[in-house]
Amino acid sequence: MEEVPNHSGPKNVGTQFLAQLNPGDYVFIEFGHNDEKVDKPTVGVSLADFKINLVNYVKETRSKKAFPVLLTPISRRSFKNGVLIDSHGDYPRVTRQVADSLNVPLIDMLAKTESLLTRLGDEPSIKLFNHVDSGNVNYPKGKKDDTHLSPEGAKQVAGLVVKGIKELKLSLAKSLK
């Protein structure tokens, strides 16, 4: 995998990953949560570079006769006056554009998770995210994280991915319950 501007994912993982990729494998490609942090040069990446990175991942996946699937990032739990606020800017739009221009299946996880969080509401949606009280073995001082999922949230979001796979009628769907 060629080196891409900034990163949009861990550097040097791509080459190792591609070496293990077999024809017919599915590769689910989702970035955007950290890429949007352009104020942090070692983390964020411009929209132009983000697009280049996604295009490269798709092309390199296809070069191994594997099947890329693009996913928009999931929603953060960010409510203002009871209304869910999007924090991803144009990164999901660029992902949708790349999917459309390269004819890549897309699972719009932003739309799916926004629907889920809106349906649950501000307080009830806390259970889907990494909110733990002080004294937790992993977070002795506690943690209020509205980006990363709790085990329950991970299960529900994985279910939304499965739903997306089935909606797209990917051949992989036959293998899923």
N, C-alpha and C. Protein backbone atom coordinates (compact mmCIF):
# COMPACT_ATOMS: atom_id res chain seq x y z
N MET A 1 0.86 -1.16 0.00
CA MET A 1 0.00 0.00 0.00
C MET A 1 0.90 1.22 0.00
N GLU A 2 0.68 2.14 -0.91
CA GLU A 2 1.55 3.30 -0.98
C GLU A 2 1.31 4.21 0.20
N GLU A 3 2.34 4.94 0.59
CA GLU A 3 2.23 5.86 1.70
C GLU A 3 1.34 7.02 1.28
N VAL A 4 0.38 7.36 2.11
CA VAL A 4 -0.57 8.41 1.78
C VAL A 4 -0.32 9.62 2.67
N PRO A 5 -0.75 10.81 2.24
CA PRO A 5 -0.56 11.99 3.07
C PRO A 5 -1.16 11.78 4.45
N ASN A 6 -0.47 12.33 5.46
CA ASN A 6 -0.89 12.19 6.84
C ASN A 6 -1.17 10.73 7.13
N HIS A 7 -2.42 10.33 7.46
CA HIS A 7 -2.59 8.91 7.70
C HIS A 7 -3.97 8.36 7.44
N SER A 8 -5.02 8.92 7.91
CA SER A 8 -6.35 8.29 7.77
C SER A 8 -6.26 6.81 8.12
N GLY A 9 -5.72 6.53 9.24
CA GLY A 9 -5.53 5.14 9.67
C GLY A 9 -4.06 4.92 9.96
N PRO A 10 -3.73 3.85 10.64
CA PRO A 10 -2.35 3.59 11.03
C PRO A 10 -1.43 3.41 9.83
N LYS A 11 -0.25 4.04 9.91
CA LYS A 11 0.75 3.88 8.85
C LYS A 11 1.35 2.49 8.92
N ASN A 12 1.76 2.00 7.80
CA ASN A 12 2.45 0.72 7.65
C ASN A 12 1.58 -0.50 7.91
N VAL A 13 0.38 -0.31 8.37
CA VAL A 13 -0.52 -1.44 8.55
C VAL A 13 -0.99 -1.90 7.17
N GLY A 14 -1.13 -0.97 6.25
CA GLY A 14 -1.66 -1.28 4.93
C GLY A 14 -0.88 -2.35 4.21
N THR A 15 0.45 -2.26 4.21
CA THR A 15 1.26 -3.23 3.50
C THR A 15 1.08 -4.63 4.09
N GLN A 16 1.10 -4.73 5.39
CA GLN A 16 0.89 -6.02 6.07
C GLN A 16 -0.51 -6.55 5.77
N PHE A 17 -1.47 -5.67 5.81
CA PHE A 17 -2.85 -6.04 5.57
C PHE A 17 -3.03 -6.56 4.15
N LEU A 18 -2.52 -5.83 3.18
CA LEU A 18 -2.67 -6.23 1.78
C LEU A 18 -2.02 -7.58 1.52
N ALA A 19 -0.91 -7.85 2.17
CA ALA A 19 -0.22 -9.13 1.97
C ALA A 19 -1.08 -10.30 2.41
N GLN A 20 -1.98 -10.09 3.36
CA GLN A 20 -2.83 -11.16 3.88
C GLN A 20 -4.19 -11.22 3.19
N LEU A 21 -4.47 -10.26 2.34
CA LEU A 21 -5.78 -10.16 1.69
C LEU A 21 -5.89 -11.19 0.56
N ASN A 22 -7.01 -11.90 0.53
CA ASN A 22 -7.25 -12.92 -0.49
C ASN A 22 -8.37 -12.49 -1.42
N PRO A 23 -8.35 -12.96 -2.67
CA PRO A 23 -9.47 -12.68 -3.57
C PRO A 23 -10.79 -13.10 -2.92
N GLY A 24 -11.79 -12.25 -3.06
CA GLY A 24 -13.10 -12.55 -2.49
C GLY A 24 -13.31 -12.05 -1.07
N ASP A 25 -12.23 -11.61 -0.40
CA ASP A 25 -12.38 -11.05 0.94
C ASP A 25 -13.14 -9.73 0.87
N TYR A 26 -13.82 -9.40 1.94
CA TYR A 26 -14.46 -8.10 2.07
C TYR A 26 -13.59 -7.22 2.95
N VAL A 27 -13.47 -5.95 2.58
CA VAL A 27 -12.73 -4.98 3.37
C VAL A 27 -13.67 -3.82 3.69
N PHE A 28 -13.97 -3.65 4.96
CA PHE A 28 -14.84 -2.58 5.40
C PHE A 28 -13.96 -1.39 5.78
N ILE A 29 -14.17 -0.27 5.11
CA ILE A 29 -13.30 0.90 5.25
C ILE A 29 -14.11 2.03 5.87
N GLU A 30 -13.71 2.43 7.07
CA GLU A 30 -14.41 3.49 7.79
C GLU A 30 -13.40 4.40 8.45
N PHE A 31 -13.42 5.65 8.06
CA PHE A 31 -12.59 6.68 8.69
C PHE A 31 -13.44 7.92 8.82
N GLY A 32 -12.95 8.90 9.56
CA GLY A 32 -13.64 10.17 9.68
C GLY A 32 -13.66 10.73 11.09
N HIS A 33 -13.67 9.86 12.09
CA HIS A 33 -13.72 10.36 13.46
C HIS A 33 -12.51 11.21 13.80
N ASN A 34 -11.33 10.71 13.51
CA ASN A 34 -10.12 11.45 13.85
C ASN A 34 -9.65 12.35 12.72
N ASP A 35 -9.97 11.99 11.51
CA ASP A 35 -9.52 12.76 10.35
C ASP A 35 -10.00 14.21 10.42
N GLU A 36 -11.17 14.41 10.99
CA GLU A 36 -11.76 15.74 11.07
C GLU A 36 -10.98 16.67 12.00
N LYS A 37 -10.07 16.13 12.80
CA LYS A 37 -9.33 16.93 13.77
C LYS A 37 -8.11 17.59 13.11
N VAL A 38 -8.39 18.45 12.13
CA VAL A 38 -7.31 19.08 11.36
C VAL A 38 -6.48 20.04 12.21
N ASP A 39 -7.01 20.43 13.38
CA ASP A 39 -6.24 21.27 14.28
C ASP A 39 -5.13 20.49 14.99
N LYS A 40 -5.13 19.17 14.82
CA LYS A 40 -4.09 18.30 15.38
C LYS A 40 -3.37 17.64 14.20
N PRO A 41 -2.26 18.24 13.73
CA PRO A 41 -1.61 17.77 12.50
C PRO A 41 -1.18 16.30 12.51
N THR A 42 -0.92 15.72 13.66
CA THR A 42 -0.53 14.30 13.68
C THR A 42 -1.74 13.38 13.71
N VAL A 43 -2.94 13.97 13.77
CA VAL A 43 -4.17 13.19 13.85
C VAL A 43 -5.05 13.46 12.63
N GLY A 44 -5.36 14.71 12.40
CA GLY A 44 -6.31 15.10 11.36
C GLY A 44 -5.70 15.11 9.97
N VAL A 45 -6.59 15.16 9.00
CA VAL A 45 -6.18 15.19 7.60
C VAL A 45 -7.21 16.02 6.83
N SER A 46 -6.73 16.78 5.86
CA SER A 46 -7.64 17.63 5.08
C SER A 46 -8.65 16.78 4.32
N LEU A 47 -9.73 17.40 3.90
CA LEU A 47 -10.74 16.69 3.12
C LEU A 47 -10.15 16.14 1.82
N ALA A 48 -9.27 16.93 1.19
CA ALA A 48 -8.65 16.48 -0.07
C ALA A 48 -7.81 15.24 0.16
N ASP A 49 -6.99 15.23 1.21
CA ASP A 49 -6.16 14.06 1.51
C ASP A 49 -7.01 12.87 1.97
N PHE A 50 -8.07 13.16 2.70
CA PHE A 50 -9.00 12.12 3.14
C PHE A 50 -9.56 11.39 1.92
N LYS A 51 -9.97 12.16 0.91
CA LYS A 51 -10.51 11.57 -0.31
C LYS A 51 -9.45 10.73 -1.02
N ILE A 52 -8.24 11.25 -1.13
CA ILE A 52 -7.15 10.50 -1.76
C ILE A 52 -6.93 9.18 -1.03
N ASN A 53 -6.94 9.24 0.29
CA ASN A 53 -6.72 8.03 1.09
C ASN A 53 -7.82 6.99 0.83
N LEU A 54 -9.07 7.42 0.83
CA LEU A 54 -10.18 6.49 0.59
C LEU A 54 -10.07 5.87 -0.80
N VAL A 55 -9.78 6.69 -1.80
CA VAL A 55 -9.63 6.18 -3.17
C VAL A 55 -8.50 5.16 -3.23
N ASN A 56 -7.39 5.45 -2.56
CA ASN A 56 -6.27 4.51 -2.54
C ASN A 56 -6.65 3.19 -1.88
N TYR A 57 -7.36 3.25 -0.76
CA TYR A 57 -7.77 2.02 -0.08
C TYR A 57 -8.68 1.18 -0.97
N VAL A 58 -9.61 1.84 -1.65
CA VAL A 58 -10.52 1.12 -2.55
C VAL A 58 -9.73 0.47 -3.69
N LYS A 59 -8.88 1.24 -4.34
CA LYS A 59 -8.12 0.72 -5.48
C LYS A 59 -7.20 -0.42 -5.06
N GLU A 60 -6.55 -0.28 -3.94
CA GLU A 60 -5.63 -1.32 -3.49
C GLU A 60 -6.37 -2.58 -3.06
N THR A 61 -7.54 -2.41 -2.47
CA THR A 61 -8.37 -3.57 -2.13
C THR A 61 -8.78 -4.30 -3.40
N ARG A 62 -9.23 -3.55 -4.37
CA ARG A 62 -9.64 -4.15 -5.65
C ARG A 62 -8.48 -4.79 -6.39
N SER A 63 -7.27 -4.25 -6.22
CA SER A 63 -6.11 -4.82 -6.90
C SER A 63 -5.83 -6.24 -6.42
N LYS A 64 -6.32 -6.58 -5.24
CA LYS A 64 -6.17 -7.93 -4.69
C LYS A 64 -7.42 -8.78 -4.96
N LYS A 65 -8.30 -8.26 -5.82
CA LYS A 65 -9.56 -8.94 -6.17
C LYS A 65 -10.45 -9.17 -4.94
N ALA A 66 -10.33 -8.24 -3.99
CA ALA A 66 -11.18 -8.24 -2.80
C ALA A 66 -12.25 -7.18 -2.99
N PHE A 67 -13.24 -7.17 -2.11
CA PHE A 67 -14.40 -6.30 -2.24
C PHE A 67 -14.40 -5.20 -1.17
N PRO A 68 -14.18 -3.94 -1.57
CA PRO A 68 -14.25 -2.85 -0.59
C PRO A 68 -15.70 -2.47 -0.31
N VAL A 69 -15.96 -2.08 0.92
CA VAL A 69 -17.24 -1.51 1.32
C VAL A 69 -16.90 -0.29 2.15
N LEU A 70 -17.43 0.86 1.77
CA LEU A 70 -17.18 2.09 2.53
C LEU A 70 -18.28 2.29 3.56
N LEU A 71 -17.90 2.82 4.71
CA LEU A 71 -18.83 3.15 5.78
C LEU A 71 -18.56 4.58 6.22
N THR A 72 -19.60 5.36 6.40
CA THR A 72 -19.42 6.67 7.01
C THR A 72 -19.19 6.44 8.51
N PRO A 73 -18.57 7.43 9.19
CA PRO A 73 -18.33 7.25 10.62
C PRO A 73 -19.65 7.25 11.40
N ILE A 74 -19.64 6.60 12.55
CA ILE A 74 -20.84 6.61 13.40
C ILE A 74 -20.96 7.97 14.08
N SER A 75 -22.16 8.28 14.50
CA SER A 75 -22.43 9.53 15.18
C SER A 75 -21.82 9.52 16.58
N ARG A 76 -21.31 10.66 16.97
CA ARG A 76 -20.98 10.85 18.38
C ARG A 76 -22.28 11.15 19.11
N ARG A 77 -22.28 10.92 20.40
CA ARG A 77 -23.44 11.28 21.22
C ARG A 77 -23.26 12.73 21.63
N SER A 78 -23.84 13.63 20.83
CA SER A 78 -23.69 15.06 21.06
C SER A 78 -25.04 15.73 20.89
N PHE A 79 -25.73 15.92 21.99
CA PHE A 79 -27.05 16.53 21.98
C PHE A 79 -26.98 17.97 22.48
N LYS A 80 -27.75 18.85 21.84
CA LYS A 80 -27.89 20.22 22.32
C LYS A 80 -29.38 20.52 22.36
N ASN A 81 -29.87 20.81 23.54
CA ASN A 81 -31.31 21.06 23.73
C ASN A 81 -32.15 19.92 23.18
N GLY A 82 -31.69 18.68 23.39
CA GLY A 82 -32.43 17.51 22.98
C GLY A 82 -32.30 17.14 21.51
N VAL A 83 -31.48 17.89 20.76
CA VAL A 83 -31.30 17.63 19.33
C VAL A 83 -29.87 17.12 19.09
N LEU A 84 -29.76 16.03 18.36
CA LEU A 84 -28.46 15.45 18.05
C LEU A 84 -27.72 16.36 17.07
N ILE A 85 -26.45 16.65 17.36
CA ILE A 85 -25.62 17.53 16.55
C ILE A 85 -24.56 16.69 15.84
N ASP A 86 -24.36 16.94 14.54
CA ASP A 86 -23.31 16.25 13.78
C ASP A 86 -21.97 16.91 14.04
N SER A 87 -20.94 16.10 14.26
CA SER A 87 -19.61 16.64 14.52
C SER A 87 -18.61 16.30 13.42
N HIS A 88 -19.04 15.63 12.38
CA HIS A 88 -18.10 15.12 11.38
C HIS A 88 -17.89 16.03 10.18
N GLY A 89 -18.58 17.12 10.10
CA GLY A 89 -18.39 18.04 8.98
C GLY A 89 -18.62 17.35 7.64
N ASP A 90 -17.73 17.60 6.68
CA ASP A 90 -17.90 17.08 5.32
C ASP A 90 -17.28 15.70 5.10
N TYR A 91 -16.69 15.09 6.11
CA TYR A 91 -16.04 13.79 5.91
C TYR A 91 -17.04 12.70 5.47
N PRO A 92 -18.23 12.61 6.06
CA PRO A 92 -19.19 11.62 5.56
C PRO A 92 -19.61 11.90 4.10
N ARG A 93 -19.77 13.18 3.76
CA ARG A 93 -20.14 13.54 2.38
C ARG A 93 -19.07 13.07 1.40
N VAL A 94 -17.80 13.26 1.75
CA VAL A 94 -16.70 12.81 0.89
C VAL A 94 -16.72 11.29 0.75
N THR A 95 -16.99 10.59 1.84
CA THR A 95 -17.07 9.13 1.78
C THR A 95 -18.18 8.71 0.83
N ARG A 96 -19.32 9.37 0.92
CA ARG A 96 -20.44 9.06 0.01
C ARG A 96 -20.06 9.34 -1.44
N GLN A 97 -19.35 10.44 -1.67
CA GLN A 97 -18.93 10.79 -3.04
C GLN A 97 -17.98 9.75 -3.61
N VAL A 98 -17.01 9.31 -2.80
CA VAL A 98 -16.06 8.29 -3.27
C VAL A 98 -16.81 7.00 -3.58
N ALA A 99 -17.73 6.62 -2.72
CA ALA A 99 -18.52 5.40 -2.96
C ALA A 99 -19.27 5.51 -4.28
N ASP A 100 -19.87 6.66 -4.51
CA ASP A 100 -20.64 6.86 -5.73
C ASP A 100 -19.73 6.87 -6.97
N SER A 101 -18.64 7.62 -6.90
CA SER A 101 -17.78 7.77 -8.08
C SER A 101 -17.04 6.48 -8.44
N LEU A 102 -16.74 5.64 -7.46
CA LEU A 102 -16.01 4.40 -7.72
C LEU A 102 -16.92 3.18 -7.71
N ASN A 103 -18.22 3.42 -7.57
CA ASN A 103 -19.20 2.33 -7.54
C ASN A 103 -18.85 1.30 -6.45
N VAL A 104 -18.68 1.82 -5.24
CA VAL A 104 -18.36 1.00 -4.08
C VAL A 104 -19.60 0.94 -3.19
N PRO A 105 -19.98 -0.24 -2.70
CA PRO A 105 -21.10 -0.31 -1.76
C PRO A 105 -20.82 0.59 -0.55
N LEU A 106 -21.87 1.25 -0.06
CA LEU A 106 -21.74 2.16 1.06
C LEU A 106 -22.77 1.81 2.12
N ILE A 107 -22.31 1.72 3.36
CA ILE A 107 -23.22 1.61 4.51
C ILE A 107 -23.13 2.96 5.22
N ASP A 108 -24.23 3.68 5.22
CA ASP A 108 -24.23 5.01 5.82
C ASP A 108 -24.46 4.88 7.33
N MET A 109 -23.36 4.62 8.03
CA MET A 109 -23.44 4.42 9.47
C MET A 109 -23.79 5.70 10.20
N LEU A 110 -23.43 6.85 9.63
CA LEU A 110 -23.81 8.11 10.27
C LEU A 110 -25.34 8.20 10.31
N ALA A 111 -25.99 7.96 9.20
CA ALA A 111 -27.45 8.03 9.16
C ALA A 111 -28.07 6.99 10.09
N LYS A 112 -27.53 5.77 10.07
CA LYS A 112 -28.09 4.70 10.90
C LYS A 112 -27.93 5.01 12.39
N THR A 113 -26.76 5.50 12.80
CA THR A 113 -26.55 5.77 14.22
C THR A 113 -27.25 7.06 14.65
N GLU A 114 -27.36 8.04 13.75
CA GLU A 114 -28.14 9.23 14.10
C GLU A 114 -29.59 8.85 14.37
N SER A 115 -30.12 7.97 13.55
CA SER A 115 -31.50 7.52 13.75
C SER A 115 -31.64 6.81 15.09
N LEU A 116 -30.71 5.93 15.40
CA LEU A 116 -30.74 5.19 16.67
C LEU A 116 -30.65 6.14 17.86
N LEU A 117 -29.69 7.07 17.83
CA LEU A 117 -29.51 7.99 18.96
C LEU A 117 -30.70 8.93 19.12
N THR A 118 -31.23 9.40 18.01
CA THR A 118 -32.39 10.29 18.06
C THR A 118 -33.60 9.55 18.63
N ARG A 119 -33.78 8.31 18.21
CA ARG A 119 -34.89 7.50 18.70
C ARG A 119 -34.75 7.27 20.21
N LEU A 120 -33.54 7.00 20.67
CA LEU A 120 -33.33 6.77 22.11
C LEU A 120 -33.42 8.07 22.90
N GLY A 121 -32.83 9.13 22.37
CA GLY A 121 -32.79 10.40 23.08
C GLY A 121 -31.50 10.57 23.87
N ASP A 122 -31.32 11.76 24.40
CA ASP A 122 -30.07 12.14 25.05
C ASP A 122 -29.70 11.21 26.21
N GLU A 123 -30.48 11.18 27.24
CA GLU A 123 -30.12 10.39 28.43
C GLU A 123 -30.11 8.88 28.17
N PRO A 124 -31.15 8.33 27.55
CA PRO A 124 -31.14 6.87 27.32
C PRO A 124 -29.99 6.39 26.42
N SER A 125 -29.48 7.26 25.55
CA SER A 125 -28.40 6.84 24.65
C SER A 125 -27.05 6.73 25.36
N ILE A 126 -26.95 7.22 26.57
CA ILE A 126 -25.69 7.12 27.33
C ILE A 126 -25.23 5.67 27.43
N LYS A 127 -26.17 4.74 27.56
CA LYS A 127 -25.82 3.33 27.73
C LYS A 127 -25.04 2.76 26.55
N LEU A 128 -25.09 3.43 25.39
CA LEU A 128 -24.37 2.94 24.21
C LEU A 128 -22.91 3.39 24.17
N PHE A 129 -22.55 4.30 25.08
CA PHE A 129 -21.21 4.88 25.04
C PHE A 129 -20.43 4.57 26.32
N ASN A 130 -19.16 4.86 26.27
CA ASN A 130 -18.24 4.52 27.35
C ASN A 130 -18.37 5.52 28.50
N HIS A 131 -19.41 5.36 29.27
CA HIS A 131 -19.64 6.17 30.46
C HIS A 131 -19.52 5.24 31.67
N VAL A 132 -18.49 5.45 32.47
CA VAL A 132 -18.30 4.62 33.66
C VAL A 132 -18.00 5.51 34.86
N ASP A 133 -18.45 5.07 36.02
CA ASP A 133 -18.21 5.80 37.26
C ASP A 133 -16.79 5.56 37.75
N SER A 134 -16.34 6.41 38.65
CA SER A 134 -15.02 6.23 39.25
C SER A 134 -14.97 4.88 39.95
N GLY A 135 -13.78 4.33 40.02
CA GLY A 135 -13.61 3.02 40.62
C GLY A 135 -13.62 1.90 39.60
N ASN A 136 -13.90 2.21 38.35
CA ASN A 136 -13.87 1.20 37.29
C ASN A 136 -12.43 0.71 37.13
N VAL A 137 -12.27 -0.59 36.92
CA VAL A 137 -10.94 -1.18 36.82
C VAL A 137 -10.11 -0.55 35.69
N ASN A 138 -10.75 -0.19 34.58
CA ASN A 138 -10.03 0.42 33.47
C ASN A 138 -9.93 1.94 33.57
N TYR A 139 -10.85 2.56 34.29
CA TYR A 139 -10.89 4.02 34.44
C TYR A 139 -11.12 4.36 35.91
N PRO A 140 -10.07 4.28 36.73
CA PRO A 140 -10.24 4.53 38.17
C PRO A 140 -10.90 5.87 38.50
N LYS A 141 -10.68 6.88 37.66
CA LYS A 141 -11.27 8.19 37.89
C LYS A 141 -12.61 8.36 37.17
N GLY A 142 -13.05 7.30 36.51
CA GLY A 142 -14.30 7.36 35.75
C GLY A 142 -14.05 7.86 34.34
N LYS A 143 -15.07 7.80 33.50
CA LYS A 143 -14.92 8.23 32.11
C LYS A 143 -16.29 8.59 31.56
N LYS A 144 -16.37 9.72 30.87
CA LYS A 144 -17.58 10.15 30.17
C LYS A 144 -17.17 10.36 28.71
N ASP A 145 -17.32 9.33 27.90
CA ASP A 145 -16.83 9.32 26.53
C ASP A 145 -18.01 9.13 25.58
N ASP A 146 -18.31 10.16 24.80
CA ASP A 146 -19.45 10.12 23.88
C ASP A 146 -19.03 9.80 22.45
N THR A 147 -17.82 9.26 22.29
CA THR A 147 -17.32 8.83 20.97
C THR A 147 -17.21 7.32 20.91
N HIS A 148 -16.61 6.73 21.93
CA HIS A 148 -16.34 5.29 21.92
C HIS A 148 -17.49 4.53 22.58
N LEU A 149 -17.76 3.37 22.04
CA LEU A 149 -18.94 2.59 22.43
C LEU A 149 -18.70 1.72 23.65
N SER A 150 -19.77 1.49 24.39
CA SER A 150 -19.80 0.50 25.46
C SER A 150 -20.01 -0.86 24.78
N PRO A 151 -19.86 -1.96 25.53
CA PRO A 151 -20.17 -3.27 24.92
C PRO A 151 -21.59 -3.31 24.33
N GLU A 152 -22.56 -2.74 25.02
CA GLU A 152 -23.94 -2.70 24.50
C GLU A 152 -24.02 -1.88 23.22
N GLY A 153 -23.33 -0.73 23.20
CA GLY A 153 -23.32 0.11 22.01
C GLY A 153 -22.65 -0.59 20.84
N ALA A 154 -21.53 -1.28 21.12
CA ALA A 154 -20.83 -2.00 20.06
C ALA A 154 -21.73 -3.07 19.45
N LYS A 155 -22.49 -3.75 20.30
CA LYS A 155 -23.39 -4.80 19.82
C LYS A 155 -24.48 -4.19 18.92
N GLN A 156 -25.05 -3.09 19.36
CA GLN A 156 -26.11 -2.47 18.56
C GLN A 156 -25.58 -1.91 17.24
N VAL A 157 -24.41 -1.29 17.28
CA VAL A 157 -23.84 -0.73 16.05
C VAL A 157 -23.42 -1.85 15.10
N ALA A 158 -22.87 -2.93 15.63
CA ALA A 158 -22.54 -4.08 14.77
C ALA A 158 -23.81 -4.61 14.10
N GLY A 159 -24.90 -4.59 14.83
CA GLY A 159 -26.18 -5.01 14.25
C GLY A 159 -26.60 -4.10 13.10
N LEU A 160 -26.30 -2.82 13.21
CA LEU A 160 -26.61 -1.89 12.13
C LEU A 160 -25.74 -2.17 10.89
N VAL A 161 -24.49 -2.57 11.12
CA VAL A 161 -23.62 -2.95 10.00
C VAL A 161 -24.19 -4.18 9.31
N VAL A 162 -24.59 -5.17 10.08
CA VAL A 162 -25.19 -6.39 9.51
C VAL A 162 -26.43 -6.02 8.71
N LYS A 163 -27.25 -5.13 9.24
CA LYS A 163 -28.44 -4.68 8.52
C LYS A 163 -28.03 -4.04 7.19
N GLY A 164 -26.97 -3.22 7.21
CA GLY A 164 -26.48 -2.59 5.99
C GLY A 164 -25.98 -3.60 4.97
N ILE A 165 -25.29 -4.63 5.44
CA ILE A 165 -24.81 -5.70 4.55
C ILE A 165 -25.99 -6.38 3.87
N LYS A 166 -27.02 -6.65 4.64
CA LYS A 166 -28.21 -7.31 4.09
C LYS A 166 -28.95 -6.38 3.13
N GLU A 167 -29.06 -5.09 3.46
CA GLU A 167 -29.72 -4.14 2.57
C GLU A 167 -29.00 -4.04 1.23
N LEU A 168 -27.67 -4.12 1.26
CA LEU A 168 -26.88 -4.05 0.03
C LEU A 168 -26.90 -5.36 -0.75
N LYS A 169 -27.42 -6.40 -0.09
CA LYS A 169 -27.46 -7.74 -0.70
C LYS A 169 -26.06 -8.22 -1.11
N LEU A 170 -25.08 -7.94 -0.26
CA LEU A 170 -23.73 -8.44 -0.49
C LEU A 170 -23.74 -9.95 -0.34
N SER A 171 -22.92 -10.64 -1.10
CA SER A 171 -22.90 -12.10 -1.01
C SER A 171 -22.57 -12.56 0.41
N LEU A 172 -21.88 -11.73 1.13
CA LEU A 172 -21.54 -12.01 2.52
C LEU A 172 -22.79 -12.19 3.39
N ALA A 173 -23.88 -11.57 2.99
CA ALA A 173 -25.12 -11.61 3.78
C ALA A 173 -25.61 -13.02 4.05
N LYS A 174 -25.34 -13.94 3.11
CA LYS A 174 -25.78 -15.34 3.27
C LYS A 174 -25.15 -15.99 4.50
N SER A 175 -23.98 -15.49 4.89
CA SER A 175 -23.24 -16.08 6.01
C SER A 175 -23.62 -15.48 7.34
N LEU A 176 -24.49 -14.48 7.34
CA LEU A 176 -24.84 -13.78 8.58
C LEU A 176 -26.19 -14.23 9.10
N LYS A 177 -26.33 -14.23 10.40
CA LYS A 177 -27.60 -14.59 11.04
C LYS A 177 -28.48 -13.39 11.19
